[in-house]
C-alpha atoms as a PDB file:
ATOM      1  CA  MET A   1      -0.853   9.161  -5.210  1.00  0.00           C
ATOM      2  CA  PHE A   2       0.152  11.330  -2.596  1.00  0.00           C
ATOM      3  CA  ILE A   3      -3.009  11.113  -0.601  1.00  0.00           C
ATOM      4  CA  LEU A   4      -2.918   7.290  -0.651  1.00  0.00           C
ATOM      5  CA  GLU A   5       0.868   7.408   1.006  1.00  0.00           C
ATOM      6  CA  VAL A   6      -0.347  10.003   3.447  1.00  0.00           C
ATOM      7  CA  LEU A   7      -3.753   8.022   4.359  1.00  0.00           C
ATOM      8  CA  GLY A   8      -2.151   4.777   4.579  1.00  0.00           C
ATOM      9  CA  LEU A   9       0.639   6.165   7.052  1.00  0.00           C
ATOM     10  CA  LEU A  10      -2.081   7.855   9.222  1.00  0.00           C
ATOM     11  CA  LEU A  11      -4.096   4.507   9.265  1.00  0.00           C
ATOM     12  CA  PHE A  12      -0.828   2.501  10.062  1.00  0.00           C
ATOM     13  CA  VAL A  13      -0.101   4.932  13.017  1.00  0.00           C
ATOM     14  CA  LEU A  14      -3.752   4.607  14.307  1.00  0.00           C
ATOM     15  CA  LEU A  15      -4.009   0.845  13.887  1.00  0.00           C
ATOM     16  CA  ILE A  16      -0.300   0.240  15.288  1.00  0.00           C
ATOM     17  CA  SER A  17      -1.247   2.232  18.432  1.00  0.00           C
ATOM     18  CA  LEU A  18      -4.819   0.499  18.929  1.00  0.00           C
ATOM     19  CA  GLY A  19      -3.029  -2.646  18.594  1.00  0.00           C
ATOM     20  CA  TYR A  20      -0.366  -1.955  21.246  1.00  0.00           C
ATOM     21  CA  LYS A  21      -2.912  -0.539  23.400  1.00  0.00           C
ATOM     22  CA  LYS A  22      -5.458  -3.771  23.192  1.00  0.00           C
ATOM     23  CA  ASN A  23      -2.613  -6.122  22.693  1.00  0.00           C
ATOM     24  CA  ASN A  24      -4.073  -7.242  19.512  1.00  0.00           C
ATOM     25  CA  ARG A  25      -1.741  -8.716  17.034  1.00  0.00           C
ATOM     26  CA  ASN A  26      -3.811  -9.262  14.413  1.00  0.00           C
ATOM     27  CA  LEU A  27      -4.857  -5.309  14.718  1.00  0.00           C
ATOM     28  CA  MET A  28      -0.869  -4.867  14.107  1.00  0.00           C
ATOM     29  CA  LEU A  29      -0.571  -7.215  11.571  1.00  0.00           C
ATOM     30  CA  LEU A  30      -3.375  -5.241   9.581  1.00  0.00           C
ATOM     31  CA  ALA A  31      -1.443  -2.358  10.258  1.00  0.00           C
ATOM     32  CA  SER A  32       1.674  -3.442   8.773  1.00  0.00           C
ATOM     33  CA  ILE A  33      -0.188  -4.708   5.444  1.00  0.00           C
ATOM     34  CA  CYS A  34      -1.733  -1.226   5.099  1.00  0.00           C
ATOM     35  CA  LEU A  35       1.626   0.478   5.273  1.00  0.00           C
ATOM     36  CA  ILE A  36       3.119  -2.017   2.847  1.00  0.00           C
ATOM     37  CA  VAL A  37       0.065  -1.516   0.201  1.00  0.00           C
ATOM     38  CA  SER A  38       0.085   2.454   0.681  1.00  0.00           C
ATOM     39  CA  PHE A  39       3.623   2.507  -0.465  1.00  0.00           C
ATOM     40  CA  GLY A  40       3.888  -0.251  -2.838  1.00  0.00           C
ATOM     41  CA  VAL A  41       0.724   0.317  -4.736  1.00  0.00           C
ATOM     42  CA  PRO A  42       1.689   3.881  -6.532  1.00  0.00           C
ATOM     43  CA  ASP A  43       4.824   2.548  -7.626  1.00  0.00           C
ATOM     44  CA  PHE A  44       3.074  -0.563  -9.058  1.00  0.00           C
ATOM     45  CA  ILE A  45       0.443   1.076 -11.055  1.00  0.00           C
ATOM     46  CA  THR A  46       2.859   3.730 -12.477  1.00  0.00           C
ATOM     47  CA  GLY A  47       5.091   1.081 -13.715  1.00  0.00           C
ATOM     48  CA  PHE A  48       2.416  -1.150 -15.041  1.00  0.00           C
ATOM     49  CA  SER A  49       0.641   1.937 -16.966  1.00  0.00           C
ATOM     50  CA  GLU A  50       4.061   2.970 -18.537  1.00  0.00           C
ATOM     51  CA  GLY A  51       4.801  -0.772 -19.496  1.00  0.00           C
ATOM     52  CA  TYR A  52       1.253  -1.189 -20.969  1.00  0.00           C
ATOM     53  CA  ALA A  53       1.895   2.134 -22.616  1.00  0.00           C
ATOM     54  CA  ASN A  54       5.126   1.344 -23.928  1.00  0.00           C
ATOM     55  CA  GLY A  55       4.652  -2.269 -24.911  1.00  0.00           C
ATOM     56  CA  SER A  56       4.886  -3.442 -28.252  1.00  0.00           C
ATOM     57  CA  PRO A  57       1.876  -5.775 -29.603  1.00  0.00           C
ATOM     58  CA  THR A  58       2.924  -9.567 -30.075  1.00  0.00           C
ATOM     59  CA  ASP A  59       1.720 -11.652 -32.510  1.00  0.00           C
ATOM     60  CA  TYR A  60       0.611 -15.160 -31.025  1.00  0.00           C
END
């Protein structure tokens, strides 16, 4: 998961600098979304897998 965070951070830096240089707000928005996803997804995956493994089956 560490590689995903580093890759997302590098992608953020690259896209945000290109967005400022070209004055492209959509590129800067994409950079911000990449940053949020790269730091949010690993925690979500960890929490989901722990919850799925420790959850009890329910009767419907």
